Amino acid sequence: EVTYSHRVGASPLTSISLQGNGKLVAIGDAAGSVSILEVCDSLAESNGVQEKVAVGAMYEREMKQEKNLELRERDSRARKSHENEPKVKKGERAGDGDDEAMAELLKNVDEEFLKMIKESEDDIIGLES
């Protein structure tokens, strides 16, 4: 939330330097101009521990937000790369196009196998009697 705004010049600012007690601020811009500003006491003097805690909390919030944005961007990239991969069901190999034909073939082989076992059992029972 901006409390006060002051235009120093038309060029972008390149450096800021404070005098020892913080009442005077030297500001340099890209055009080579240097401006000296005098700030009020409430801006120059610290409010003690409360201000330090508030600024520390602000930095913590900004760092957490930055990390969250990085995670969100990484997840978004992973999701996009995952969407571009071909969809493969569990147990399938990529490139198997004719699943129904393969299922029918396996069903027929299974039926033939069971039929052979049944015939073999019938032959064994017939030999024993």
C-alpha atoms as a PDB file:
ATOM      1  CA  GLU A   1       0.000   0.000   0.000  1.00  0.00           C
ATOM      2  CA  VAL A   2       1.613   3.245  -1.159  1.00  0.00           C
ATOM      3  CA  THR A   3       1.737   5.947   1.496  1.00  0.00           C
ATOM      4  CA  TYR A   4       3.468   8.636  -0.515  1.00  0.00           C
ATOM      5  CA  SER A   5       4.769   8.899  -4.080  1.00  0.00           C
ATOM      6  CA  HIS A   6       7.238  11.465  -5.410  1.00  0.00           C
ATOM      7  CA  ARG A   7       8.524  11.739  -8.984  1.00  0.00           C
ATOM      8  CA  VAL A   8      12.274  12.381  -8.998  1.00  0.00           C
ATOM      9  CA  GLY A   9      12.880  12.514 -12.754  1.00  0.00           C
ATOM     10  CA  ALA A  10      11.921  11.133 -16.155  1.00  0.00           C
ATOM     11  CA  SER A  11      14.799   8.612 -16.340  1.00  0.00           C
ATOM     12  CA  PRO A  12      14.870   5.246 -14.514  1.00  0.00           C
ATOM     13  CA  LEU A  13      16.531   5.321 -11.099  1.00  0.00           C
ATOM     14  CA  THR A  14      19.843   3.486 -10.888  1.00  0.00           C
ATOM     15  CA  SER A  15      21.062   4.039  -7.317  1.00  0.00           C
ATOM     16  CA  ILE A  16      19.901   5.165  -3.891  1.00  0.00           C
ATOM     17  CA  SER A  17      22.117   6.070  -0.953  1.00  0.00           C
ATOM     18  CA  LEU A  18      21.194   7.159   2.578  1.00  0.00           C
ATOM     19  CA  GLN A  19      23.108   9.482   4.827  1.00  0.00           C
ATOM     20  CA  GLY A  20      24.094   7.964   8.186  1.00  0.00           C
ATOM     21  CA  ASN A  21      20.992   9.084  10.111  1.00  0.00           C
ATOM     22  CA  GLY A  22      18.603   8.498   7.163  1.00  0.00           C
ATOM     23  CA  LYS A  23      17.296  12.073   6.869  1.00  0.00           C
ATOM     24  CA  LEU A  24      19.008  12.712   3.508  1.00  0.00           C
ATOM     25  CA  VAL A  25      18.631  10.399   0.504  1.00  0.00           C
ATOM     26  CA  ALA A  26      20.748  10.692  -2.662  1.00  0.00           C
ATOM     27  CA  ILE A  27      19.079   9.249  -5.787  1.00  0.00           C
ATOM     28  CA  GLY A  28      20.888   8.720  -9.123  1.00  0.00           C
ATOM     29  CA  ASP A  29      19.172   8.112 -12.451  1.00  0.00           C
ATOM     30  CA  ALA A  30      20.160   6.692 -15.845  1.00  0.00           C
ATOM     31  CA  ALA A  31      20.652  10.186 -17.323  1.00  0.00           C
ATOM     32  CA  GLY A  32      23.415  10.910 -14.783  1.00  0.00           C
ATOM     33  CA  SER A  33      21.421  13.281 -12.585  1.00  0.00           C
ATOM     34  CA  VAL A  34      21.677  13.068  -8.805  1.00  0.00           C
ATOM     35  CA  SER A  35      18.866  14.345  -6.601  1.00  0.00           C
ATOM     36  CA  ILE A  36      19.095  14.851  -2.848  1.00  0.00           C
ATOM     37  CA  LEU A  37      15.880  14.527  -0.873  1.00  0.00           C
ATOM     38  CA  GLU A  38      15.219  15.267   2.796  1.00  0.00           C
ATOM     39  CA  VAL A  39      12.720  12.884   4.387  1.00  0.00           C
ATOM     40  CA  CYS A  40      10.511  13.496   7.426  1.00  0.00           C
ATOM     41  CA  ASP A  41      11.410  12.137  10.859  1.00  0.00           C
ATOM     42  CA  SER A  42       8.754   9.385  10.787  1.00  0.00           C
ATOM     43  CA  LEU A  43      10.364   7.918   7.655  1.00  0.00           C
ATOM     44  CA  ALA A  44      13.944   8.389   8.865  1.00  0.00           C
ATOM     45  CA  GLU A  45      13.567   6.945  12.355  1.00  0.00           C
ATOM     46  CA  SER A  46      12.859   3.319  13.197  1.00  0.00           C
ATOM     47  CA  ASN A  47       9.791   2.368  15.214  1.00  0.00           C
ATOM     48  CA  GLY A  48      11.793  -0.275  17.011  1.00  0.00           C
ATOM     49  CA  VAL A  49      10.996  -3.952  17.299  1.00  0.00           C
ATOM     50  CA  GLN A  50       7.475  -3.717  15.855  1.00  0.00           C
ATOM     51  CA  GLU A  51       8.727  -2.373  12.548  1.00  0.00           C
ATOM     52  CA  LYS A  52      11.447  -5.018  12.340  1.00  0.00           C
ATOM     53  CA  VAL A  53       8.902  -7.787  12.976  1.00  0.00           C
ATOM     54  CA  ALA A  54       6.488  -6.350  10.402  1.00  0.00           C
ATOM     55  CA  VAL A  55       9.192  -6.088   7.721  1.00  0.00           C
ATOM     56  CA  GLY A  56      10.427  -9.616   8.526  1.00  0.00           C
ATOM     57  CA  ALA A  57       6.895 -10.978   8.179  1.00  0.00           C
ATOM     58  CA  MET A  58       6.508  -9.158   4.862  1.00  0.00           C
ATOM     59  CA  TYR A  59       9.720 -10.744   3.533  1.00  0.00           C
ATOM     60  CA  GLU A  60       8.563 -14.187   4.711  1.00  0.00           C
ATOM     61  CA  ARG A  61       5.230 -13.794   2.884  1.00  0.00           C
ATOM     62  CA  GLU A  62       7.008 -12.704  -0.292  1.00  0.00           C
ATOM     63  CA  MET A  63       9.412 -15.660  -0.139  1.00  0.00           C
ATOM     64  CA  LYS A  64       6.524 -18.116   0.362  1.00  0.00           C
ATOM     65  CA  GLN A  65       4.600 -16.566  -2.509  1.00  0.00           C
ATOM     66  CA  GLU A  66       7.673 -16.834  -4.763  1.00  0.00           C
ATOM     67  CA  LYS A  67       8.112 -20.519  -3.872  1.00  0.00           C
ATOM     68  CA  ASN A  68       4.414 -21.185  -4.489  1.00  0.00           C
ATOM     69  CA  LEU A  69       4.608 -19.517  -7.900  1.00  0.00           C
ATOM     70  CA  GLU A  70       7.666 -21.602  -8.811  1.00  0.00           C
ATOM     71  CA  LEU A  71       5.888 -24.818  -7.738  1.00  0.00           C
ATOM     72  CA  ARG A  72       2.771 -23.871  -9.671  1.00  0.00           C
ATOM     73  CA  GLU A  73       4.827 -23.177 -12.793  1.00  0.00           C
ATOM     74  CA  ARG A  74       6.722 -26.489 -12.444  1.00  0.00           C
ATOM     75  CA  ASP A  75       3.451 -28.401 -11.968  1.00  0.00           C
ATOM     76  CA  SER A  76       1.953 -26.672 -14.979  1.00  0.00           C
ATOM     77  CA  ARG A  77       4.940 -27.655 -17.140  1.00  0.00           C
ATOM     78  CA  ALA A  78       4.778 -31.257 -15.891  1.00  0.00           C
ATOM     79  CA  ARG A  79       1.043 -31.402 -16.592  1.00  0.00           C
ATOM     80  CA  LYS A  80       1.550 -30.094 -20.132  1.00  0.00           C
ATOM     81  CA  SER A  81       4.312 -32.605 -20.869  1.00  0.00           C
ATOM     82  CA  HIS A  82       2.170 -35.409 -19.403  1.00  0.00           C
ATOM     83  CA  GLU A  83      -0.776 -34.392 -21.593  1.00  0.00           C
ATOM     84  CA  ASN A  84       1.429 -34.578 -24.687  1.00  0.00           C
ATOM     85  CA  GLU A  85       2.471 -38.179 -23.955  1.00  0.00           C
ATOM     86  CA  PRO A  86       0.417 -40.904 -25.696  1.00  0.00           C
ATOM     87  CA  LYS A  87      -2.273 -42.404 -23.476  1.00  0.00           C
ATOM     88  CA  VAL A  88      -1.495 -46.057 -22.626  1.00  0.00           C
ATOM     89  CA  LYS A  89      -3.702 -48.219 -20.410  1.00  0.00           C
ATOM     90  CA  LYS A  90      -2.192 -50.423 -17.730  1.00  0.00           C
ATOM     91  CA  GLY A  91      -0.971 -53.692 -19.220  1.00  0.00           C
ATOM     92  CA  GLU A  92      -0.867 -52.313 -22.757  1.00  0.00           C
ATOM     93  CA  ARG A  93       2.090 -51.346 -24.835  1.00  0.00           C
ATOM     94  CA  ALA A  94       2.103 -48.177 -26.883  1.00  0.00           C
ATOM     95  CA  GLY A  95       1.286 -48.952 -30.504  1.00  0.00           C
ATOM     96  CA  ASP A  96      -1.104 -51.876 -29.854  1.00  0.00           C
ATOM     97  CA  GLY A  97      -3.922 -50.826 -32.117  1.00  0.00           C
ATOM     98  CA  ASP A  98      -6.129 -53.890 -32.367  1.00  0.00           C
ATOM     99  CA  ASP A  99      -6.965 -54.787 -28.769  1.00  0.00           C
ATOM    100  CA  GLU A 100     -10.240 -56.528 -29.612  1.00  0.00           C
ATOM    101  CA  ALA A 101      -8.551 -58.868 -32.091  1.00  0.00           C
ATOM    102  CA  MET A 102      -5.874 -59.718 -29.513  1.00  0.00           C
ATOM    103  CA  ALA A 103      -8.522 -60.407 -26.849  1.00  0.00           C
ATOM    104  CA  GLU A 104     -10.430 -62.674 -29.266  1.00  0.00           C
ATOM    105  CA  LEU A 105      -7.253 -64.566 -30.158  1.00  0.00           C
ATOM    106  CA  LEU A 106      -6.400 -65.111 -26.475  1.00  0.00           C
ATOM    107  CA  LYS A 107      -9.933 -66.289 -25.784  1.00  0.00           C
ATOM    108  CA  ASN A 108      -9.717 -68.838 -28.643  1.00  0.00           C
ATOM    109  CA  VAL A 109      -6.307 -70.118 -27.511  1.00  0.00           C
ATOM    110  CA  ASP A 110      -7.612 -70.473 -23.951  1.00  0.00           C
ATOM    111  CA  GLU A 111     -10.690 -72.412 -25.135  1.00  0.00           C
ATOM    112  CA  GLU A 112      -8.523 -74.743 -27.271  1.00  0.00           C
ATOM    113  CA  PHE A 113      -6.186 -75.375 -24.347  1.00  0.00           C
ATOM    114  CA  LEU A 114      -9.045 -76.224 -21.984  1.00  0.00           C
ATOM    115  CA  LYS A 115     -10.584 -78.471 -24.654  1.00  0.00           C
ATOM    116  CA  MET A 116      -7.276 -80.365 -25.045  1.00  0.00           C
ATOM    117  CA  ILE A 117      -7.006 -80.850 -21.267  1.00  0.00           C
ATOM    118  CA  LYS A 118     -10.583 -82.130 -21.087  1.00  0.00           C
ATOM    119  CA  GLU A 119      -9.940 -84.607 -23.953  1.00  0.00           C
ATOM    120  CA  SER A 120      -6.733 -85.762 -22.267  1.00  0.00           C
ATOM    121  CA  GLU A 121      -8.564 -86.352 -18.967  1.00  0.00           C
ATOM    122  CA  ASP A 122     -11.320 -88.257 -20.802  1.00  0.00           C
ATOM    123  CA  ASP A 123      -8.717 -90.466 -22.498  1.00  0.00           C
ATOM    124  CA  ILE A 124      -7.046 -91.222 -19.154  1.00  0.00           C
ATOM    125  CA  ILE A 125     -10.384 -92.092 -17.542  1.00  0.00           C
ATOM    126  CA  GLY A 126     -11.262 -94.323 -20.537  1.00  0.00           C
ATOM    127  CA  LEU A 127      -7.944 -96.218 -20.262  1.00  0.00           C
ATOM    128  CA  GLU A 128      -8.415 -96.837 -16.522  1.00  0.00           C
ATOM    129  CA  SER A 129     -11.855 -98.397 -16.910  1.00  0.00           C
END
